[in-house]
Amino acid sequence: MNLVQFLDDGGEARVARVVNDTTLAPLALAMSMYEFVQDVLKQGVSLPDAAQAAEGTARISYDDLWSEGRLMPPIMHPDPAHLLVTGTGLTHLGSADARDAMHAKLSAGDDALTDSMKMFRMGLEGGKPQSGEGGVQPEWFYKGDGASIAPPGGDLISPDFALDGGEEPEIAGIYVIDATGRPRRLGFCVGNEFSDHKTERINYLYLAHSKLRPCSMGPELRIGELPGTVLGRSRILRDGQTIWEKPFLSGEDNMSHSVRNLEAHHFKYAAFRRPGDVHVHFFGTATLSFSDSFEAQTGDVFEISAEGFGRPLRNRIVQGSTGTGIQPLPL
């Protein structure tokens, strides 16, 4: 089952089940995804069962919502500060090559390994413990709060101090913290973990800076477990023409960490288990146009799709206003 969140004719957030590529079945409850999930938690039922029970008889056009720009991220929080966007890197087989090329060439011997390659090797050796969790820690980064998420079809604003802006086609896990402080996974969606790879290439310690950029996800939330293999495709369009394209693989069969291990290391921190909070956690990728020496330009459109995740995610890169030179004033 795939769900979407959209704006109804009155501008209010609603939830619908994806019937097929052209048709949506709105839930009879006039609620946003966040409100619906809170109601489901109170009922103590599963999300798929609740969605099926709440489905109305009306049907609406997926194409109309798409063309009118009324699709929303799969979930938002009423207070954007209570939605945390984070991620993990060096988690996918092959991703070490792309990442390490930004830092140093791999040479023989442990002493010559870069930190990236050491981290990747740690994942290969201990990222999939038999218990499903408790393995080696992954690389982790913070991207922003709910205000950093662009809707499907929305613009990804690259600040004018950025050295570049490049796509990262990934799968993201979506979570809500219940009243007891336990994370509850809603499902997964495709995402664009948009980053500044040139800044990161200067020095790996600039990774934190490079990740403080907008992102996007959706439009569809896939309920249930993540398939072992996710087959996806990443494209960049300029003036309506494809100028870069490559398939990508995700899912645990193509990762050096299990999803449960990544989740365990994220949610082990008490600050990430505040009741009511929403978490969007990107799981990483092995495919970047930057690795092919491609540089996106203002106006280019990123398109990310994956089998089983419905319609593709599309976002345009635009140039933002300055954020430099802002100094605090004494109070």
Protein backbone atom coordinates (compact mmCIF):
# COMPACT_ATOMS: atom_id res chain seq x y z
CA MET A 1 0.00 0.00 0.00
CA ASN A 2 1.21 3.47 -0.94
CA LEU A 3 -0.19 6.67 0.55
CA VAL A 4 0.15 10.30 -0.49
CA GLN A 5 -0.53 13.59 1.24
CA PHE A 6 -2.11 16.38 -0.78
CA LEU A 7 -3.87 19.72 -0.48
CA ASP A 8 -7.63 19.57 -0.97
CA ASP A 9 -9.70 22.25 -2.68
CA GLY A 10 -9.76 24.23 0.56
CA GLY A 11 -5.99 24.13 0.96
CA GLU A 12 -6.06 21.61 3.82
CA ALA A 13 -3.76 18.59 4.02
CA ARG A 14 -5.43 15.24 3.32
CA VAL A 15 -4.34 11.64 2.89
CA ALA A 16 -5.16 9.30 0.01
CA ARG A 17 -4.35 5.75 -1.01
CA VAL A 18 -2.77 5.27 -4.41
CA VAL A 19 -5.19 3.14 -6.44
CA ASN A 20 -3.08 3.23 -9.59
CA ASP A 21 -0.88 5.66 -11.51
CA THR A 22 -3.82 7.93 -12.33
CA THR A 23 -6.29 7.51 -9.46
CA LEU A 24 -6.26 8.25 -5.72
CA ALA A 25 -8.75 7.21 -3.05
CA PRO A 26 -8.91 9.93 -0.35
CA LEU A 27 -9.49 8.86 3.22
CA ALA A 28 -12.88 9.98 4.49
CA LEU A 29 -11.18 11.53 7.52
CA ALA A 30 -10.28 15.17 6.88
CA MET A 31 -6.83 14.86 8.43
CA SER A 32 -3.22 15.43 7.51
CA MET A 33 -0.88 12.44 7.57
CA TYR A 34 0.45 13.52 10.95
CA GLU A 35 -3.04 13.83 12.42
CA PHE A 36 -4.04 10.50 10.92
CA VAL A 37 -0.99 8.76 12.37
CA GLN A 38 -1.68 10.21 15.81
CA ASP A 39 -5.24 8.89 15.55
CA VAL A 40 -3.93 5.47 14.49
CA LEU A 41 -1.58 5.37 17.48
CA LYS A 42 -4.49 6.10 19.82
CA GLN A 43 -6.54 3.31 18.22
CA GLY A 44 -3.69 0.82 18.62
CA VAL A 45 -4.15 -0.60 15.12
CA SER A 46 -1.78 -0.93 12.17
CA LEU A 47 -1.40 1.88 9.67
CA PRO A 48 -2.50 -0.23 6.65
CA ASP A 49 -5.61 -1.48 8.49
CA ALA A 50 -6.51 2.03 9.60
CA ALA A 51 -6.05 3.44 6.11
CA GLN A 52 -8.19 0.72 4.58
CA ALA A 53 -10.95 1.25 7.16
CA ALA A 54 -10.90 5.04 6.68
CA GLU A 55 -10.98 5.00 2.90
CA GLY A 56 -13.97 6.73 1.37
CA THR A 57 -15.79 6.00 -1.88
CA ALA A 58 -14.60 9.13 -3.70
CA ARG A 59 -11.86 8.96 -6.30
CA ILE A 60 -9.72 11.87 -7.50
CA SER A 61 -7.26 12.41 -10.32
CA TYR A 62 -3.60 11.90 -9.49
CA ASP A 63 -2.72 13.80 -12.67
CA ASP A 64 -4.67 16.87 -11.54
CA LEU A 65 -2.92 17.04 -8.18
CA TRP A 66 0.40 16.55 -9.94
CA SER A 67 -0.14 19.30 -12.51
CA GLU A 68 -1.65 21.72 -9.98
CA GLY A 69 1.27 21.35 -7.56
CA ARG A 70 -0.91 20.07 -4.73
CA LEU A 71 1.20 17.06 -3.73
CA MET A 72 2.91 17.39 -0.37
CA PRO A 73 5.74 15.51 1.33
CA PRO A 74 4.34 12.24 2.73
CA ILE A 75 4.35 13.70 6.24
CA MET A 76 5.02 17.04 7.90
CA HIS A 77 4.78 18.23 11.51
CA PRO A 78 2.53 21.14 12.53
CA ASP A 79 5.66 22.66 14.09
CA PRO A 80 8.57 22.24 11.61
CA ALA A 81 11.06 22.37 14.50
CA HIS A 82 9.72 18.99 15.63
CA LEU A 83 10.59 17.25 12.37
CA LEU A 84 14.22 16.15 12.22
CA VAL A 85 15.93 15.35 8.90
CA THR A 86 19.06 13.22 9.23
CA GLY A 87 20.95 10.59 7.29
CA THR A 88 23.75 8.07 7.10
CA GLY A 89 26.49 7.75 4.50
CA LEU A 90 28.94 5.08 3.32
CA THR A 91 26.17 2.52 3.67
CA HIS A 92 25.84 1.26 0.11
CA LEU A 93 28.11 -1.15 -1.72
CA GLY A 94 30.14 0.89 -4.15
CA SER A 95 29.48 4.20 -2.42
CA ALA A 96 32.95 4.19 -0.92
CA ASP A 97 34.51 4.58 -4.38
CA ALA A 98 32.49 7.69 -5.16
CA ARG A 99 33.02 9.19 -1.71
CA ASP A 100 36.71 8.35 -1.50
CA ALA A 101 37.40 9.95 -4.85
CA MET A 102 36.55 13.27 -3.24
CA HIS A 103 39.15 12.85 -0.52
CA ALA A 104 42.14 10.78 -1.55
CA LYS A 105 43.14 7.93 -3.80
CA LEU A 106 43.07 4.51 -2.29
CA SER A 107 46.49 2.95 -1.84
CA ALA A 108 47.67 -0.35 -0.43
CA GLY A 109 47.92 -0.95 3.31
CA ASP A 110 45.74 -0.04 6.27
CA ASP A 111 47.82 2.99 7.13
CA ALA A 112 47.08 4.48 3.72
CA LEU A 113 43.30 4.06 3.93
CA THR A 114 41.31 7.28 4.10
CA ASP A 115 38.81 7.78 6.91
CA SER A 116 36.04 7.18 4.38
CA MET A 117 37.42 3.82 3.37
CA LYS A 118 38.00 2.84 6.98
CA MET A 119 34.40 3.72 7.82
CA PHE A 120 33.12 1.82 4.80
CA ARG A 121 35.19 -1.24 5.73
CA MET A 122 33.82 -1.09 9.29
CA GLY A 123 30.33 -1.27 7.83
CA LEU A 124 31.22 -4.25 5.67
CA GLU A 125 32.63 -6.06 8.69
CA GLY A 126 30.01 -5.15 11.30
CA GLY A 127 27.07 -3.31 9.80
CA LYS A 128 24.75 -6.31 9.64
CA PRO A 129 24.77 -8.02 13.04
CA GLN A 130 22.76 -11.22 13.30
CA SER A 131 20.48 -9.67 15.89
CA GLY A 132 19.58 -6.96 13.37
CA GLU A 133 20.95 -4.17 15.57
CA GLY A 134 23.92 -3.39 17.76
CA GLY A 135 26.45 -3.46 14.95
CA VAL A 136 29.08 -0.87 14.11
CA GLN A 137 28.00 2.78 14.06
CA PRO A 138 27.51 4.36 10.63
CA GLU A 139 28.49 7.81 9.51
CA TRP A 140 25.67 10.17 10.59
CA PHE A 141 24.71 13.71 9.63
CA TYR A 142 22.06 16.34 10.27
CA LYS A 143 20.30 18.10 7.38
CA GLY A 144 17.69 20.32 8.97
CA ASP A 145 14.16 20.46 10.30
CA GLY A 146 10.80 20.37 8.55
CA ALA A 147 11.43 23.75 6.94
CA SER A 148 14.23 22.18 4.88
CA ILE A 149 11.87 19.82 3.01
CA ALA A 150 10.70 20.87 -0.44
CA PRO A 151 7.47 19.29 -1.68
CA PRO A 152 7.41 16.96 -4.68
CA GLY A 153 7.65 19.26 -7.68
CA GLY A 154 9.01 22.08 -5.51
CA ASP A 155 12.29 23.94 -5.81
CA LEU A 156 15.55 22.99 -4.11
CA ILE A 157 17.09 26.32 -3.16
CA SER A 158 20.87 26.34 -3.25
CA PRO A 159 22.35 29.22 -1.22
CA ASP A 160 24.61 31.58 -3.11
CA PHE A 161 27.57 30.64 -0.90
CA ALA A 162 27.28 26.99 -2.03
CA LEU A 163 30.01 25.70 -4.29
CA ASP A 164 27.60 23.34 -6.04
CA GLY A 165 24.31 21.56 -5.61
CA GLY A 166 23.98 17.91 -6.53
CA GLU A 167 21.38 15.22 -6.19
CA GLU A 168 21.62 12.15 -3.96
CA PRO A 169 18.96 9.58 -4.90
CA GLU A 170 18.10 7.70 -1.74
CA ILE A 171 15.48 5.80 0.20
CA ALA A 172 14.32 7.52 3.39
CA GLY A 173 12.61 5.99 6.40
CA ILE A 174 9.70 7.92 7.94
CA TYR A 175 9.08 7.71 11.71
CA VAL A 176 6.86 9.14 14.42
CA ILE A 177 7.70 8.90 18.13
CA ASP A 178 4.71 7.56 20.07
CA ALA A 179 3.51 8.69 23.50
CA THR A 180 5.82 6.22 25.26
CA GLY A 181 8.91 7.51 23.45
CA ARG A 182 9.16 4.56 21.07
CA PRO A 183 9.93 5.18 17.37
CA ARG A 184 7.22 3.90 15.04
CA ARG A 185 8.15 3.42 11.40
CA LEU A 186 5.43 4.45 8.94
CA GLY A 187 7.24 3.28 5.83
CA PHE A 188 9.70 4.40 3.19
CA CYS A 189 9.84 6.84 0.29
CA VAL A 190 12.27 7.95 -2.39
CA GLY A 191 14.15 11.11 -1.60
CA ASN A 192 16.67 13.60 -2.92
CA GLU A 193 19.25 14.25 -0.23
CA PHE A 194 20.54 17.33 -2.05
CA SER A 195 24.12 18.21 -1.00
CA ASP A 196 27.15 20.42 -1.76
CA HIS A 197 29.76 17.92 -2.88
CA LYS A 198 32.43 20.46 -3.79
CA THR A 199 32.41 21.81 -0.25
CA GLU A 200 32.74 18.29 1.12
CA ARG A 201 35.62 17.57 -1.25
CA ILE A 202 37.72 20.40 0.22
CA ASN A 203 37.98 18.52 3.50
CA TYR A 204 35.93 15.66 4.89
CA LEU A 205 35.38 17.69 8.06
CA TYR A 206 33.23 19.99 5.91
CA LEU A 207 30.68 17.19 5.51
CA ALA A 208 28.46 18.80 8.15
CA HIS A 209 28.40 22.07 6.18
CA SER A 210 27.77 20.30 2.88
CA LYS A 211 24.64 18.60 4.23
CA LEU A 212 22.91 21.77 5.46
CA ARG A 213 20.87 22.08 2.30
CA PRO A 214 17.22 21.47 1.42
CA CYS A 215 15.95 18.05 0.45
CA SER A 216 12.79 16.48 -0.89
CA MET A 217 10.93 13.21 -0.60
CA GLY A 218 7.90 11.38 -1.92
CA PRO A 219 5.39 11.81 -3.31
CA GLU A 220 4.41 8.30 -2.18
CA LEU A 221 4.91 6.66 1.20
CA ARG A 222 5.38 2.91 0.83
CA ILE A 223 3.92 1.07 3.83
CA GLY A 224 5.61 -2.11 5.02
CA GLU A 225 9.14 -3.48 4.93
CA LEU A 226 11.81 -2.27 2.56
CA PRO A 227 12.49 -4.79 -0.23
CA GLY A 228 15.91 -6.44 -0.18
CA THR A 229 16.63 -4.85 -3.56
CA VAL A 230 15.27 -1.50 -4.70
CA LEU A 231 15.83 -0.69 -8.37
CA GLY A 232 15.83 3.02 -9.07
CA ARG A 233 16.78 5.58 -11.67
CA SER A 234 18.21 9.07 -11.29
CA ARG A 235 17.93 11.63 -14.09
CA ILE A 236 18.79 15.28 -14.62
CA LEU A 237 16.83 17.26 -17.19
CA ARG A 238 17.74 20.60 -18.75
CA ASP A 239 15.21 22.39 -20.93
CA GLY A 240 13.13 19.22 -20.94
CA GLN A 241 15.96 17.01 -22.21
CA THR A 242 17.77 14.31 -20.23
CA ILE A 243 21.42 15.33 -19.89
CA TRP A 244 22.51 12.77 -17.27
CA GLU A 245 20.97 9.46 -16.27
CA LYS A 246 21.98 6.43 -14.25
CA PRO A 247 20.31 3.53 -12.42
CA PHE A 248 20.83 3.12 -8.69
CA LEU A 249 20.42 0.25 -6.24
CA SER A 250 19.25 0.33 -2.65
CA GLY A 251 17.77 -2.13 -0.18
CA GLU A 252 19.74 -4.24 2.30
CA ASP A 253 21.03 -6.63 -0.38
CA ASN A 254 22.98 -3.65 -1.74
CA MET A 255 23.99 -2.11 1.57
CA SER A 256 26.80 -2.65 4.07
CA HIS A 257 24.44 -1.90 6.97
CA SER A 258 21.05 -3.33 7.83
CA VAL A 259 18.17 -0.88 8.16
CA ARG A 260 17.62 -2.01 11.76
CA ASN A 261 21.24 -1.25 12.60
CA LEU A 262 20.96 2.25 11.12
CA GLU A 263 17.72 2.82 13.02
CA ALA A 264 19.17 1.51 16.29
CA HIS A 265 22.12 3.89 16.16
CA HIS A 266 19.91 6.86 15.33
CA PHE A 267 17.24 6.29 17.95
CA LYS A 268 19.62 5.30 20.75
CA TYR A 269 19.83 9.02 21.57
CA ALA A 270 17.15 10.19 23.99
CA ALA A 271 16.84 13.52 22.17
CA PHE A 272 15.56 11.60 19.15
CA ARG A 273 12.79 9.90 21.09
CA ARG A 274 10.63 12.86 22.11
CA PRO A 275 6.94 11.91 21.90
CA GLY A 276 5.21 13.48 18.93
CA ASP A 277 8.35 14.21 16.92
CA VAL A 278 8.72 13.15 13.28
CA HIS A 279 11.96 11.81 11.80
CA VAL A 280 13.00 11.55 8.17
CA HIS A 281 16.18 9.47 7.92
CA PHE A 282 18.04 9.08 4.62
CA PHE A 283 19.85 5.75 4.19
CA GLY A 284 22.53 6.76 1.67
CA THR A 285 23.33 6.10 -1.96
CA ALA A 286 26.05 4.79 -4.26
CA THR A 287 25.10 6.90 -7.30
CA LEU A 288 25.91 10.58 -7.80
CA SER A 289 26.17 12.66 -10.97
CA PHE A 290 29.03 14.46 -9.20
CA SER A 291 31.05 11.25 -9.38
CA ASP A 292 30.78 11.50 -13.17
CA SER A 293 32.12 15.08 -13.04
CA PHE A 294 28.67 16.42 -13.90
CA GLU A 295 27.70 19.83 -12.53
CA ALA A 296 24.04 20.78 -12.23
CA GLN A 297 22.97 24.30 -13.16
CA THR A 298 20.21 26.60 -12.00
CA GLY A 299 16.98 25.48 -13.64
CA ASP A 300 17.97 21.83 -14.00
CA VAL A 301 15.38 19.31 -12.83
CA PHE A 302 16.30 16.25 -10.77
CA GLU A 303 14.08 13.20 -11.22
CA ILE A 304 14.35 10.19 -8.90
CA SER A 305 12.21 7.07 -9.20
CA ALA A 306 12.21 3.52 -7.87
CA GLU A 307 10.16 0.42 -8.58
CA GLY A 308 7.36 0.02 -6.05
CA PHE A 309 7.51 3.65 -4.92
CA GLY A 310 5.08 5.09 -7.45
CA ARG A 311 5.48 8.33 -9.31
CA PRO A 312 8.94 9.90 -9.56
CA LEU A 313 10.15 12.72 -7.36
CA ARG A 314 10.98 15.84 -9.36
CA ASN A 315 12.60 19.03 -8.11
CA ARG A 316 14.20 22.01 -9.79
CA ILE A 317 17.41 23.60 -8.53
CA VAL A 318 17.21 27.37 -8.06
CA GLN A 319 19.64 29.97 -6.73
CA GLY A 320 18.87 31.34 -3.29
CA SER A 321 19.63 34.68 -1.70
CA THR A 322 22.72 35.37 0.35
CA GLY A 323 23.16 34.03 3.85
CA THR A 324 26.67 35.36 4.37
CA GLY A 325 27.66 38.42 6.33
CA ILE A 326 24.84 38.07 8.87
CA GLN A 327 26.15 39.02 12.28
CA PRO A 328 24.29 38.93 15.59
CA LEU A 329 23.37 42.29 17.05
CA PRO A 330 23.90 42.99 20.73
CA LEU A 331 20.68 43.03 22.72
